[in-house]
């Protein structure tokens, strides 16, 4: 598509452009020869066929795009363990709310800004924020803040955070 964007990418298709040119020429010549009452049949028929092809293709592309978006939503729907209302449960990452206590495991991504509540030897990789690959030690006293987009590192289990 050469970097151009159109509402109808099919208008860049060479076959469609040739059909439109033929329809225009046919319409012009036939109207000149047979008059407007009967001269529009051939060219008009080609225009209708091209319109149908473009419309059906656009509808098909729209449906495929919608199905792809739904598939992306399903693949991004990761279950995570939280403590909510005193009960430990698995919920979708899209259902996390302020006040949830999220139980992090090694490799989990911190999904929201939060406070470190409990655990030991929690290290996070903040390279997505700072570009540095140094792991940052998180503890309740000196550095209790967790930032969205960081990943939990280290060999020990534990580490709960509270979403703000």
Protein backbone atom coordinates (compact mmCIF):
# COMPACT_ATOMS: atom_id res chain seq x y z
CA UNK A 1 0.00 0.00 0.00
CA UNK A 2 3.04 2.24 -0.18
CA UNK A 3 2.42 3.83 3.23
CA UNK A 4 -0.86 5.39 2.15
CA UNK A 5 -4.03 4.77 4.08
CA UNK A 6 -7.51 4.86 2.60
CA UNK A 7 -10.96 4.14 3.83
CA UNK A 8 -11.12 1.64 1.00
CA UNK A 9 -7.74 -0.03 0.43
CA UNK A 10 -9.32 -1.90 -2.51
CA UNK A 11 -9.18 1.34 -4.49
CA UNK A 12 -5.43 0.71 -4.71
CA UNK A 13 -6.06 -2.68 -6.35
CA UNK A 14 -5.01 -2.52 -10.01
CA UNK A 15 -7.88 -4.76 -11.15
CA UNK A 16 -10.47 -2.52 -9.49
CA UNK A 17 -8.88 0.59 -11.02
CA UNK A 18 -8.91 -1.00 -14.50
CA UNK A 19 -12.56 -2.01 -14.08
CA UNK A 20 -13.47 1.54 -13.01
CA UNK A 21 -11.64 2.99 -16.04
CA UNK A 22 -13.40 0.53 -18.38
CA UNK A 23 -16.76 1.33 -16.81
CA UNK A 24 -16.17 5.05 -17.30
CA UNK A 25 -15.10 4.60 -20.94
CA UNK A 26 -17.97 2.21 -21.65
CA UNK A 27 -20.45 4.58 -20.07
CA UNK A 28 -19.15 7.51 -22.10
CA UNK A 29 -19.06 5.70 -25.47
CA UNK A 30 -22.38 3.90 -25.02
CA UNK A 31 -24.22 7.06 -23.97
CA UNK A 32 -22.72 8.89 -26.99
CA UNK A 33 -23.83 6.08 -29.37
CA UNK A 34 -27.19 5.02 -27.90
CA UNK A 35 -28.22 8.02 -25.82
CA UNK A 36 -28.62 8.23 -22.06
CA UNK A 37 -31.76 6.04 -21.98
CA UNK A 38 -30.08 2.86 -23.19
CA UNK A 39 -26.38 3.71 -23.20
CA UNK A 40 -25.76 3.32 -19.49
CA UNK A 41 -26.39 -0.47 -19.25
CA UNK A 42 -22.86 -1.85 -19.80
CA UNK A 43 -20.91 0.85 -17.93
CA UNK A 44 -23.50 1.01 -15.16
CA UNK A 45 -23.38 -2.77 -14.73
CA UNK A 46 -19.60 -2.65 -14.32
CA UNK A 47 -19.92 0.15 -11.73
CA UNK A 48 -22.50 -1.89 -9.78
CA UNK A 49 -20.24 -4.98 -9.87
CA UNK A 50 -17.24 -2.98 -8.62
CA UNK A 51 -19.36 -1.42 -5.88
CA UNK A 52 -20.53 -4.88 -4.77
CA UNK A 53 -16.97 -6.25 -4.70
CA UNK A 54 -15.72 -3.28 -2.66
CA UNK A 55 -18.68 -3.43 -0.25
CA UNK A 56 -18.46 -7.17 0.36
CA UNK A 57 -14.69 -6.96 0.86
CA UNK A 58 -15.06 -4.06 3.29
CA UNK A 59 -17.67 -5.95 5.33
CA UNK A 60 -15.48 -9.05 5.37
CA UNK A 61 -12.42 -7.04 6.47
CA UNK A 62 -14.45 -5.35 9.21
CA UNK A 63 -15.67 -8.69 10.56
CA UNK A 64 -12.15 -10.15 10.52
CA UNK A 65 -10.83 -7.07 12.33
CA UNK A 66 -13.52 -7.42 15.00
CA UNK A 67 -12.75 -11.13 15.47
CA UNK A 68 -9.05 -10.34 15.77
CA UNK A 69 -9.75 -7.67 18.42
CA UNK A 70 -11.85 -10.17 20.40
CA UNK A 71 -9.06 -12.74 20.14
CA UNK A 72 -6.56 -10.18 21.46
CA UNK A 73 -8.83 -9.44 24.42
CA UNK A 74 -9.03 -13.14 25.27
CA UNK A 75 -5.26 -13.65 24.97
CA UNK A 76 -4.56 -10.60 27.18
CA UNK A 77 -7.01 -11.81 29.83
CA UNK A 78 -4.52 -13.13 32.39
CA UNK A 79 -5.75 -14.48 35.72
CA UNK A 80 -3.93 -13.21 38.82
CA UNK A 81 -4.30 -14.09 42.48
CA UNK A 82 -5.65 -11.36 44.76
CA UNK A 83 -6.98 -11.01 48.28
CA UNK A 84 -10.30 -9.19 48.12
CA UNK A 85 -12.65 -8.84 51.08
CA UNK A 86 -10.41 -11.19 53.07
CA UNK A 87 -10.71 -14.02 50.50
CA UNK A 88 -7.93 -15.21 48.21
CA UNK A 89 -9.24 -15.58 44.64
CA UNK A 90 -8.17 -15.57 41.00
CA UNK A 91 -9.50 -12.72 38.89
CA UNK A 92 -8.83 -11.22 35.48
CA UNK A 93 -6.22 -8.47 35.33
CA UNK A 94 -8.98 -6.24 33.95
CA UNK A 95 -11.00 -6.66 37.17
CA UNK A 96 -8.34 -5.39 39.61
CA UNK A 97 -9.65 -2.47 41.66
CA UNK A 98 -8.24 -0.12 44.27
CA UNK A 99 -7.88 -1.98 47.54
CA UNK A 100 -7.10 -5.39 46.04
CA UNK A 101 -4.05 -7.08 47.48
CA UNK A 102 -2.22 -8.70 44.57
CA UNK A 103 -0.03 -11.74 45.28
CA UNK A 104 2.99 -11.51 42.99
CA UNK A 105 4.98 -14.49 41.74
CA UNK A 106 8.37 -14.47 40.03
CA UNK A 107 8.05 -13.06 36.54
CA UNK A 108 4.70 -11.37 37.19
CA UNK A 109 4.31 -7.89 35.81
CA UNK A 110 3.20 -5.19 38.23
CA UNK A 111 -0.11 -4.14 36.66
CA UNK A 112 -0.77 -0.98 38.64
CA UNK A 113 1.02 1.35 40.99
CA UNK A 114 0.98 -0.06 44.48
CA UNK A 115 2.49 -0.42 47.93
CA UNK A 116 4.52 -3.40 49.11
CA UNK A 117 2.70 -4.87 52.12
CA UNK A 118 4.32 -8.18 52.98
CA UNK A 119 6.97 -10.59 51.74
CA UNK A 120 10.72 -10.97 51.65
CA UNK A 121 13.53 -10.45 49.16
CA UNK A 122 11.35 -8.76 46.59
CA UNK A 123 13.27 -7.41 43.64
CA UNK A 124 11.74 -5.79 40.58
CA UNK A 125 13.16 -5.09 37.16
CA UNK A 126 12.47 -1.44 36.32
CA UNK A 127 14.25 -1.55 32.96
CA UNK A 128 10.97 -0.87 31.14
CA UNK A 129 10.80 2.47 32.96
CA UNK A 130 14.41 3.56 33.29
CA UNK A 131 16.23 1.55 30.65
CA UNK A 132 18.63 0.25 33.30
CA UNK A 133 18.81 -3.49 33.89
CA UNK A 134 19.58 -3.16 37.62
CA UNK A 135 17.12 -4.92 39.90
CA UNK A 136 15.62 -2.72 42.59
CA UNK A 137 15.11 -4.10 46.11
CA UNK A 138 11.62 -3.45 47.49
CA UNK A 139 10.90 -3.53 51.23
CA UNK A 140 8.27 -2.15 53.61
CA UNK A 141 10.51 0.41 55.31
CA UNK A 142 12.87 2.05 52.82
CA UNK A 143 11.30 1.50 49.39
CA UNK A 144 7.70 0.21 49.53
CA UNK A 145 6.57 1.58 46.14
CA UNK A 146 5.84 -0.63 43.14
CA UNK A 147 5.49 0.91 39.71
CA UNK A 148 3.21 -0.26 36.91
CA UNK A 149 5.04 -2.10 34.15
CA UNK A 150 7.89 -3.43 36.29
CA UNK A 151 8.46 -7.18 36.66
CA UNK A 152 9.04 -9.20 39.82
CA UNK A 153 12.49 -10.83 39.93
CA UNK A 154 14.37 -12.98 42.41
CA UNK A 155 14.28 -16.56 43.60
CA UNK A 156 12.06 -16.24 46.63
CA UNK A 157 8.31 -16.40 46.72
CA UNK A 158 6.23 -13.83 48.48
CA UNK A 159 5.41 -10.27 47.83
CA UNK A 160 2.02 -8.72 48.06
CA UNK A 161 1.09 -5.33 46.83
CA UNK A 162 -1.94 -3.22 47.22
CA UNK A 163 -3.30 -1.48 44.14
CA UNK A 164 -3.90 2.24 44.56
